């Protein structure tokens, strides 16, 4: 199967190191040029580069249904402390 390389917004590399970004992308539920979504057992994260001049990191907590904006350090702590939610990856032919 042919895998296309995703070109991502440069804002991601202004916030995360290449190693951090590789880990995040390897564990992402969904990736586009401007948005990375990660679902863990405790949280749903959306890293968005398409709105402002800065990268926005949002977190929705599963337990109390609260949504908030996070700093990089807050995100990394929550991301690393919660197991990833199991997902099914599909590949559709175009």
PDB file of N, CA and C in Angstrom:
ATOM      1  N   UNK A   1       0.843  -1.170   0.000  1.00  0.00           N
ATOM      2  CA  UNK A   1       0.000   0.000   0.000  1.00  0.00           C
ATOM      3  C   UNK A   1       0.893   1.240   0.000  1.00  0.00           C
ATOM      4  N   UNK A   2       0.522   2.213  -0.778  1.00  0.00           N
ATOM      5  CA  UNK A   2       1.271   3.445  -0.873  1.00  0.00           C
ATOM      6  C   UNK A   2       0.893   4.373   0.262  1.00  0.00           C
ATOM      7  N   UNK A   3       1.876   4.870   0.971  1.00  0.00           N
ATOM      8  CA  UNK A   3       1.609   5.785   2.068  1.00  0.00           C
ATOM      9  C   UNK A   3       2.065   7.175   1.674  1.00  0.00           C
ATOM     10  N   UNK A   4       1.163   8.153   1.760  1.00  0.00           N
ATOM     11  CA  UNK A   4       1.490   9.516   1.403  1.00  0.00           C
ATOM     12  C   UNK A   4       2.117  10.223   2.588  1.00  0.00           C
ATOM     13  N   UNK A   5       3.140  11.022   2.314  1.00  0.00           N
ATOM     14  CA  UNK A   5       3.770  11.805   3.364  1.00  0.00           C
ATOM     15  C   UNK A   5       2.927  13.045   3.625  1.00  0.00           C
ATOM     16  N   UNK A   6       2.674  13.323   4.894  1.00  0.00           N
ATOM     17  CA  UNK A   6       1.863  14.467   5.268  1.00  0.00           C
ATOM     18  C   UNK A   6       2.776  15.670   5.478  1.00  0.00           C
ATOM     19  N   UNK A   7       2.459  16.755   4.814  1.00  0.00           N
ATOM     20  CA  UNK A   7       3.178  18.005   5.020  1.00  0.00           C
ATOM     21  C   UNK A   7       2.419  18.774   6.085  1.00  0.00           C
ATOM     22  N   UNK A   8       3.099  19.082   7.186  1.00  0.00           N
ATOM     23  CA  UNK A   8       2.411  19.735   8.295  1.00  0.00           C
ATOM     24  C   UNK A   8       2.797  21.203   8.395  1.00  0.00           C
ATOM     25  N   UNK A   9       1.952  21.961   9.034  1.00  0.00           N
ATOM     26  CA  UNK A   9       2.163  23.379   9.255  1.00  0.00           C
ATOM     27  C   UNK A   9       3.428  23.588  10.088  1.00  0.00           C
ATOM     28  N   UNK A  10       4.218  24.585   9.744  1.00  0.00           N
ATOM     29  CA  UNK A  10       5.485  24.845  10.435  1.00  0.00           C
ATOM     30  C   UNK A  10       5.291  25.249  11.897  1.00  0.00           C
ATOM     31  N   UNK A  11       4.088  25.656  12.292  1.00  0.00           N
ATOM     32  CA  UNK A  11       3.827  26.026  13.692  1.00  0.00           C
ATOM     33  C   UNK A  11       4.066  24.855  14.636  1.00  0.00           C
ATOM     34  N   UNK A  12       3.855  23.625  14.148  1.00  0.00           N
ATOM     35  CA  UNK A  12       4.079  22.455  15.000  1.00  0.00           C
ATOM     36  C   UNK A  12       5.545  22.353  15.411  1.00  0.00           C
ATOM     37  N   UNK A  13       6.447  22.635  14.481  1.00  0.00           N
ATOM     38  CA  UNK A  13       7.876  22.538  14.788  1.00  0.00           C
ATOM     39  C   UNK A  13       8.397  23.740  15.568  1.00  0.00           C
ATOM     40  N   UNK A  14       7.607  24.798  15.664  1.00  0.00           N
ATOM     41  CA  UNK A  14       7.986  25.925  16.519  1.00  0.00           C
ATOM     42  C   UNK A  14       7.703  25.607  17.979  1.00  0.00           C
ATOM     43  N   UNK A  15       6.804  24.663  18.224  1.00  0.00           N
ATOM     44  CA  UNK A  15       6.414  24.306  19.589  1.00  0.00           C
ATOM     45  C   UNK A  15       7.064  22.997  20.039  1.00  0.00           C
ATOM     46  N   UNK A  16       7.078  21.997  19.161  1.00  0.00           N
ATOM     47  CA  UNK A  16       7.576  20.675  19.514  1.00  0.00           C
ATOM     48  C   UNK A  16       8.897  20.382  18.814  1.00  0.00           C
ATOM     49  N   UNK A  17       9.748  19.606  19.484  1.00  0.00           N
ATOM     50  CA  UNK A  17      10.969  19.127  18.829  1.00  0.00           C
ATOM     51  C   UNK A  17      10.577  18.091  17.779  1.00  0.00           C
ATOM     52  N   UNK A  18      11.482  17.752  16.904  1.00  0.00           N
ATOM     53  CA  UNK A  18      11.186  16.743  15.885  1.00  0.00           C
ATOM     54  C   UNK A  18      10.839  15.402  16.520  1.00  0.00           C
ATOM     55  N   UNK A  19      11.558  15.031  17.579  1.00  0.00           N
ATOM     56  CA  UNK A  19      11.276  13.759  18.260  1.00  0.00           C
ATOM     57  C   UNK A  19       9.900  13.773  18.921  1.00  0.00           C
ATOM     58  N   UNK A  20       9.556  14.890  19.576  1.00  0.00           N
ATOM     59  CA  UNK A  20       8.232  14.996  20.194  1.00  0.00           C
ATOM     60  C   UNK A  20       7.137  14.916  19.133  1.00  0.00           C
ATOM     61  N   UNK A  21       7.327  15.633  18.029  1.00  0.00           N
ATOM     62  CA  UNK A  21       6.322  15.649  16.972  1.00  0.00           C
ATOM     63  C   UNK A  21       6.179  14.278  16.326  1.00  0.00           C
ATOM     64  N   UNK A  22       7.278  13.566  16.141  1.00  0.00           N
ATOM     65  CA  UNK A  22       7.212  12.217  15.576  1.00  0.00           C
ATOM     66  C   UNK A  22       6.398  11.304  16.496  1.00  0.00           C
ATOM     67  N   UNK A  23       6.645  11.385  17.797  1.00  0.00           N
ATOM     68  CA  UNK A  23       5.896  10.572  18.760  1.00  0.00           C
ATOM     69  C   UNK A  23       4.409  10.927  18.725  1.00  0.00           C
ATOM     70  N   UNK A  24       4.109  12.202  18.701  1.00  0.00           N
ATOM     71  CA  UNK A  24       2.716  12.655  18.656  1.00  0.00           C
ATOM     72  C   UNK A  24       2.039  12.147  17.390  1.00  0.00           C
ATOM     73  N   UNK A  25       2.698  12.293  16.251  1.00  0.00           N
ATOM     74  CA  UNK A  25       2.102  11.865  14.985  1.00  0.00           C
ATOM     75  C   UNK A  25       1.958  10.345  14.911  1.00  0.00           C
ATOM     76  N   UNK A  26       2.912   9.624  15.481  1.00  0.00           N
ATOM     77  CA  UNK A  26       2.830   8.159  15.497  1.00  0.00           C
ATOM     78  C   UNK A  26       1.619   7.666  16.299  1.00  0.00           C
ATOM     79  N   UNK A  27       1.192   8.459  17.283  1.00  0.00           N
ATOM     80  CA  UNK A  27       0.089   8.064  18.158  1.00  0.00           C
ATOM     81  C   UNK A  27      -1.210   8.809  17.871  1.00  0.00           C
ATOM     82  N   UNK A  28      -1.218   9.631  16.843  1.00  0.00           N
ATOM     83  CA  UNK A  28      -2.399  10.442  16.529  1.00  0.00           C
ATOM     84  C   UNK A  28      -3.536   9.583  15.996  1.00  0.00           C
ATOM     85  N   UNK A  29      -4.734  10.027  16.286  1.00  0.00           N
ATOM     86  CA  UNK A  29      -5.937   9.404  15.756  1.00  0.00           C
ATOM     87  C   UNK A  29      -6.203   9.913  14.353  1.00  0.00           C
ATOM     88  N   UNK A  30      -5.897  11.203  14.138  1.00  0.00           N
ATOM     89  CA  UNK A  30      -6.126  11.844  12.846  1.00  0.00           C
ATOM     90  C   UNK A  30      -5.082  12.938  12.646  1.00  0.00           C
ATOM     91  N   UNK A  31      -4.593  13.073  11.410  1.00  0.00           N
ATOM     92  CA  UNK A  31      -3.581  14.085  11.091  1.00  0.00           C
ATOM     93  C   UNK A  31      -3.944  14.758   9.776  1.00  0.00           C
ATOM     94  N   UNK A  32      -3.865  16.087   9.790  1.00  0.00           N
ATOM     95  CA  UNK A  32      -3.944  16.858   8.547  1.00  0.00           C
ATOM     96  C   UNK A  32      -2.827  17.891   8.607  1.00  0.00           C
ATOM     97  N   UNK A  33      -2.701  18.695   7.595  1.00  0.00           N
ATOM     98  CA  UNK A  33      -1.627  19.691   7.565  1.00  0.00           C
ATOM     99  C   UNK A  33      -1.712  20.653   8.743  1.00  0.00           C
ATOM    100  N   UNK A  34      -2.925  20.988   9.173  1.00  0.00           N
ATOM    101  CA  UNK A  34      -3.105  21.995  10.212  1.00  0.00           C
ATOM    102  C   UNK A  34      -3.687  21.484  11.518  1.00  0.00           C
ATOM    103  N   UNK A  35      -3.942  20.195  11.621  1.00  0.00           N
ATOM    104  CA  UNK A  35      -4.603  19.688  12.819  1.00  0.00           C
ATOM    105  C   UNK A  35      -4.146  18.259  13.133  1.00  0.00           C
ATOM    106  N   UNK A  36      -3.866  18.029  14.404  1.00  0.00           N
ATOM    107  CA  UNK A  36      -3.552  16.685  14.891  1.00  0.00           C
ATOM    108  C   UNK A  36      -4.510  16.379  16.033  1.00  0.00           C
ATOM    109  N   UNK A  37      -5.160  15.228  15.964  1.00  0.00           N
ATOM    110  CA  UNK A  37      -6.102  14.801  16.992  1.00  0.00           C
ATOM    111  C   UNK A  37      -5.561  13.535  17.642  1.00  0.00           C
ATOM    112  N   UNK A  38      -5.610  13.511  18.969  1.00  0.00           N
ATOM    113  CA  UNK A  38      -5.157  12.344  19.726  1.00  0.00           C
ATOM    114  C   UNK A  38      -6.235  11.999  20.752  1.00  0.00           C
ATOM    115  N   UNK A  39      -6.637  10.743  20.782  1.00  0.00           N
ATOM    116  CA  UNK A  39      -7.599  10.278  21.777  1.00  0.00           C
ATOM    117  C   UNK A  39      -6.889   9.350  22.752  1.00  0.00           C
ATOM    118  N   UNK A  40      -6.913   9.724  24.023  1.00  0.00           N
ATOM    119  CA  UNK A  40      -6.393   8.848  25.071  1.00  0.00           C
ATOM    120  C   UNK A  40      -7.575   8.385  25.909  1.00  0.00           C
ATOM    121  N   UNK A  41      -7.331   7.503  26.852  1.00  0.00           N
ATOM    122  CA  UNK A  41      -8.424   7.007  27.688  1.00  0.00           C
ATOM    123  C   UNK A  41      -9.026   8.107  28.555  1.00  0.00           C
ATOM    124  N   UNK A  42      -8.254   9.148  28.855  1.00  0.00           N
ATOM    125  CA  UNK A  42      -8.734  10.218  29.725  1.00  0.00           C
ATOM    126  C   UNK A  42      -9.078  11.513  28.998  1.00  0.00           C
ATOM    127  N   UNK A  43      -8.469  11.735  27.843  1.00  0.00           N
ATOM    128  CA  UNK A  43      -8.597  13.029  27.179  1.00  0.00           C
ATOM    129  C   UNK A  43      -8.681  12.901  25.665  1.00  0.00           C
ATOM    130  N   UNK A  44      -9.226  13.942  25.083  1.00  0.00           N
ATOM    131  CA  UNK A  44      -9.265  14.110  23.630  1.00  0.00           C
ATOM    132  C   UNK A  44      -8.517  15.415  23.364  1.00  0.00           C
ATOM    133  N   UNK A  45      -7.425  15.336  22.595  1.00  0.00           N
ATOM    134  CA  UNK A  45      -6.595  16.504  22.321  1.00  0.00           C
ATOM    135  C   UNK A  45      -6.737  16.925  20.867  1.00  0.00           C
ATOM    136  N   UNK A  46      -6.777  18.225  20.655  1.00  0.00           N
ATOM    137  CA  UNK A  46      -6.743  18.775  19.301  1.00  0.00           C
ATOM    138  C   UNK A  46      -5.662  19.842  19.256  1.00  0.00           C
ATOM    139  N   UNK A  47      -4.662  19.609  18.405  1.00  0.00           N
ATOM    140  CA  UNK A  47      -3.588  20.564  18.195  1.00  0.00           C
ATOM    141  C   UNK A  47      -3.863  21.237  16.858  1.00  0.00           C
ATOM    142  N   UNK A  48      -4.146  22.521  16.901  1.00  0.00           N
ATOM    143  CA  UNK A  48      -4.624  23.214  15.713  1.00  0.00           C
ATOM    144  C   UNK A  48      -3.712  24.383  15.347  1.00  0.00           C
ATOM    145  N   UNK A  49      -3.288  24.408  14.084  1.00  0.00           N
ATOM    146  CA  UNK A  49      -2.382  25.450  13.602  1.00  0.00           C
ATOM    147  C   UNK A  49      -3.044  26.367  12.589  1.00  0.00           C
ATOM    148  N   UNK A  50      -4.340  26.249  12.407  1.00  0.00           N
ATOM    149  CA  UNK A  50      -4.980  26.996  11.321  1.00  0.00           C
ATOM    150  C   UNK A  50      -5.738  28.245  11.748  1.00  0.00           C
ATOM    151  N   UNK A  51      -5.771  28.561  13.046  1.00  0.00           N
ATOM    152  CA  UNK A  51      -6.606  29.668  13.490  1.00  0.00           C
ATOM    153  C   UNK A  51      -5.813  30.953  13.730  1.00  0.00           C
ATOM    154  N   UNK A  52      -4.885  30.935  14.631  1.00  0.00           N
ATOM    155  CA  UNK A  52      -4.133  32.130  15.028  1.00  0.00           C
ATOM    156  C   UNK A  52      -2.697  32.050  14.540  1.00  0.00           C
ATOM    157  N   UNK A  53      -1.894  32.983  15.040  1.00  0.00           N
ATOM    158  CA  UNK A  53      -0.469  32.965  14.725  1.00  0.00           C
ATOM    159  C   UNK A  53       0.265  31.894  15.516  1.00  0.00           C
ATOM    160  N   UNK A  54      -0.379  31.385  16.570  1.00  0.00           N
ATOM    161  CA  UNK A  54       0.232  30.380  17.425  1.00  0.00           C
ATOM    162  C   UNK A  54      -0.497  29.051  17.301  1.00  0.00           C
ATOM    163  N   UNK A  55       0.181  28.000  17.714  1.00  0.00           N
ATOM    164  CA  UNK A  55      -0.432  26.677  17.773  1.00  0.00           C
ATOM    165  C   UNK A  55      -1.377  26.632  18.965  1.00  0.00           C
ATOM    166  N   UNK A  56      -2.615  26.208  18.753  1.00  0.00           N
ATOM    167  CA  UNK A  56      -3.579  26.052  19.838  1.00  0.00           C
ATOM    168  C   UNK A  56      -3.661  24.580  20.217  1.00  0.00           C
ATOM    169  N   UNK A  57      -3.599  24.321  21.521  1.00  0.00           N
ATOM    170  CA  UNK A  57      -3.714  22.958  22.037  1.00  0.00           C
ATOM    171  C   UNK A  57      -4.939  22.922  22.942  1.00  0.00           C
ATOM    172  N   UNK A  58      -5.948  22.163  22.525  1.00  0.00           N
ATOM    173  CA  UNK A  58      -7.182  22.047  23.292  1.00  0.00           C
ATOM    174  C   UNK A  58      -7.316  20.633  23.847  1.00  0.00           C
ATOM    175  N   UNK A  59      -7.940  20.551  25.014  1.00  0.00           N
ATOM    176  CA  UNK A  59      -8.141  19.266  25.680  1.00  0.00           C
ATOM    177  C   UNK A  59      -9.579  19.164  26.154  1.00  0.00           C
ATOM    178  N   UNK A  60     -10.235  18.082  25.812  1.00  0.00           N
ATOM    179  CA  UNK A  60     -11.547  17.738  26.360  1.00  0.00           C
ATOM    180  C   UNK A  60     -11.336  16.524  27.249  1.00  0.00           C
ATOM    181  N   UNK A  61     -11.670  16.665  28.528  1.00  0.00           N
ATOM    182  CA  UNK A  61     -11.524  15.554  29.464  1.00  0.00           C
ATOM    183  C   UNK A  61     -12.770  14.678  29.415  1.00  0.00           C
ATOM    184  N   UNK A  62     -12.581  13.366  29.303  1.00  0.00           N
ATOM    185  CA  UNK A  62     -13.700  12.433  29.223  1.00  0.00           C
ATOM    186  C   UNK A  62     -14.497  12.375  30.528  1.00  0.00           C
ATOM    187  N   UNK A  63     -13.815  12.481  31.663  1.00  0.00           N
ATOM    188  CA  UNK A  63     -14.473  12.281  32.963  1.00  0.00           C
ATOM    189  C   UNK A  63     -15.445  13.389  33.330  1.00  0.00           C
ATOM    190  N   UNK A  64     -15.073  14.644  33.087  1.00  0.00           N
ATOM    191  CA  UNK A  64     -15.950  15.726  33.529  1.00  0.00           C
ATOM    192  C   UNK A  64     -16.413  16.625  32.384  1.00  0.00           C
ATOM    193  N   UNK A  65     -16.158  16.217  31.171  1.00  0.00           N
ATOM    194  CA  UNK A  65     -16.620  16.925  29.978  1.00  0.00           C
ATOM    195  C   UNK A  65     -16.189  18.393  29.936  1.00  0.00           C
ATOM    196  N   UNK A  66     -15.036  18.688  30.522  1.00  0.00           N
ATOM    197  CA  UNK A  66     -14.541  20.061  30.470  1.00  0.00           C
ATOM    198  C   UNK A  66     -13.581  20.209  29.297  1.00  0.00           C
ATOM    199  N   UNK A  67     -13.587  21.395  28.719  1.00  0.00           N
ATOM    200  CA  UNK A  67     -12.684  21.706  27.607  1.00  0.00           C
ATOM    201  C   UNK A  67     -11.843  22.904  28.027  1.00  0.00           C
ATOM    202  N   UNK A  68     -10.558  22.838  27.687  1.00  0.00           N
ATOM    203  CA  UNK A  68      -9.686  23.957  28.022  1.00  0.00           C
ATOM    204  C   UNK A  68      -8.497  24.007  27.093  1.00  0.00           C
ATOM    205  N   UNK A  69      -7.890  25.174  27.039  1.00  0.00           N
ATOM    206  CA  UNK A  69      -6.678  25.362  26.247  1.00  0.00           C
ATOM    207  C   UNK A  69      -5.488  25.037  27.142  1.00  0.00           C
ATOM    208  N   UNK A  70      -4.495  24.341  26.567  1.00  0.00           N
ATOM    209  CA  UNK A  70      -3.323  23.908  27.331  1.00  0.00           C
ATOM    210  C   UNK A  70      -2.049  24.555  26.818  1.00  0.00           C
ATOM    211  N   UNK A  71      -1.069  24.642  27.708  1.00  0.00           N
ATOM    212  CA  UNK A  71       0.287  24.982  27.298  1.00  0.00           C
ATOM    213  C   UNK A  71       0.949  23.700  26.796  1.00  0.00           C
ATOM    214  N   UNK A  72       2.102  23.831  26.181  1.00  0.00           N
ATOM    215  CA  UNK A  72       2.829  22.646  25.710  1.00  0.00           C
ATOM    216  C   UNK A  72       3.141  21.717  26.884  1.00  0.00           C
ATOM    217  N   UNK A  73       3.631  22.274  27.992  1.00  0.00           N
ATOM    218  CA  UNK A  73       4.007  21.448  29.140  1.00  0.00           C
ATOM    219  C   UNK A  73       2.800  20.715  29.732  1.00  0.00           C
ATOM    220  N   UNK A  74       1.660  21.406  29.841  1.00  0.00           N
ATOM    221  CA  UNK A  74       0.445  20.750  30.339  1.00  0.00           C
ATOM    222  C   UNK A  74       0.029  19.617  29.408  1.00  0.00           C
ATOM    223  N   UNK A  75       0.075  19.891  28.093  1.00  0.00           N
ATOM    224  CA  UNK A  75      -0.283  18.857  27.116  1.00  0.00           C
ATOM    225  C   UNK A  75       0.628  17.643  27.236  1.00  0.00           C
ATOM    226  N   UNK A  76       1.932  17.870  27.255  1.00  0.00           N
ATOM    227  CA  UNK A  76       2.873  16.749  27.302  1.00  0.00           C
ATOM    228  C   UNK A  76       2.663  15.906  28.557  1.00  0.00           C
ATOM    229  N   UNK A  77       2.392  16.550  29.690  1.00  0.00           N
ATOM    230  CA  UNK A  77       2.153  15.818  30.933  1.00  0.00           C
ATOM    231  C   UNK A  77       0.908  14.943  30.822  1.00  0.00           C
ATOM    232  N   UNK A  78      -0.191  15.529  30.343  1.00  0.00           N
ATOM    233  CA  UNK A  78      -1.435  14.758  30.203  1.00  0.00           C
ATOM    234  C   UNK A  78      -1.317  13.686  29.128  1.00  0.00           C
ATOM    235  N   UNK A  79      -0.699  14.020  28.017  1.00  0.00           N
ATOM    236  CA  UNK A  79      -0.534  13.081  26.897  1.00  0.00           C
ATOM    237  C   UNK A  79       0.281  11.868  27.320  1.00  0.00           C
ATOM    238  N   UNK A  80       1.368  12.105  28.036  1.00  0.00           N
ATOM    239  CA  UNK A  80       2.249  11.002  28.450  1.00  0.00           C
ATOM    240  C   UNK A  80       1.671  10.184  29.610  1.00  0.00           C
ATOM    241  N   UNK A  81       0.731  10.759  30.369  1.00  0.00           N
ATOM    242  CA  UNK A  81       0.228  10.053  31.551  1.00  0.00           C
ATOM    243  C   UNK A  81      -1.051   9.250  31.297  1.00  0.00           C
ATOM    244  N   UNK A  82      -1.592   9.321  30.107  1.00  0.00           N
ATOM    245  CA  UNK A  82      -2.831   8.604  29.827  1.00  0.00           C
ATOM    246  C   UNK A  82      -2.629   7.624  28.681  1.00  0.00           C
ATOM    247  N   UNK A  83      -3.034   6.372  28.860  1.00  0.00           N
ATOM    248  CA  UNK A  83      -2.901   5.390  27.769  1.00  0.00           C
ATOM    249  C   UNK A  83      -3.724   5.812  26.552  1.00  0.00           C
ATOM    250  N   UNK A  84      -3.211   5.496  25.391  1.00  0.00           N
ATOM    251  CA  UNK A  84      -3.926   5.801  24.159  1.00  0.00           C
ATOM    252  C   UNK A  84      -5.195   4.972  24.070  1.00  0.00           C
ATOM    253  N   UNK A  85      -6.211   5.561  23.493  1.00  0.00           N
ATOM    254  CA  UNK A  85      -7.458   4.851  23.255  1.00  0.00           C
ATOM    255  C   UNK A  85      -7.243   3.962  22.030  1.00  0.00           C
ATOM    256  N   UNK A  86      -7.711   2.755  22.091  1.00  0.00           N
ATOM    257  CA  UNK A  86      -7.543   1.882  20.932  1.00  0.00           C
ATOM    258  C   UNK A  86      -8.422   2.383  19.798  1.00  0.00           C
ATOM    259  N   UNK A  87      -7.873   2.402  18.613  1.00  0.00           N
ATOM    260  CA  UNK A  87      -8.605   2.886  17.439  1.00  0.00           C
ATOM    261  C   UNK A  87      -8.428   1.911  16.289  1.00  0.00           C
ATOM    262  N   UNK A  88      -9.303   2.023  15.353  1.00  0.00           N
ATOM    263  CA  UNK A  88      -9.225   1.239  14.130  1.00  0.00           C
ATOM    264  C   UNK A  88      -8.779   2.170  13.028  1.00  0.00           C
ATOM    265  N   UNK A  89      -7.711   1.821  12.323  1.00  0.00           N
ATOM    266  CA  UNK A  89      -7.226   2.652  11.238  1.00  0.00           C
ATOM    267  C   UNK A  89      -7.680   2.052   9.920  1.00  0.00           C
ATOM    268  N   UNK A  90      -8.315   2.859   9.130  1.00  0.00           N
ATOM    269  CA  UNK A  90      -8.809   2.423   7.827  1.00  0.00           C
ATOM    270  C   UNK A  90      -8.056   3.151   6.735  1.00  0.00           C
ATOM    271  N   UNK A  91      -7.883   2.464   5.639  1.00  0.00           N
ATOM    272  CA  UNK A  91      -7.287   3.079   4.470  1.00  0.00           C
ATOM    273  C   UNK A  91      -8.275   2.891   3.314  1.00  0.00           C
ATOM    274  N   UNK A  92      -8.690   3.990   2.771  1.00  0.00           N
ATOM    275  CA  UNK A  92      -9.654   3.929   1.671  1.00  0.00           C
ATOM    276  C   UNK A  92      -8.958   4.220   0.355  1.00  0.00           C
ATOM    277  N   UNK A  93      -9.289   3.458  -0.657  1.00  0.00           N
ATOM    278  CA  UNK A  93      -8.735   3.726  -1.976  1.00  0.00           C
ATOM    279  C   UNK A  93      -9.431   4.943  -2.569  1.00  0.00           C
ATOM    280  N   UNK A  94      -8.636   5.787  -3.177  1.00  0.00           N
ATOM    281  CA  UNK A  94      -9.206   6.993  -3.776  1.00  0.00           C
ATOM    282  C   UNK A  94      -9.728   6.725  -5.145  1.00  0.00           C
TER     283      UNK A  94
END
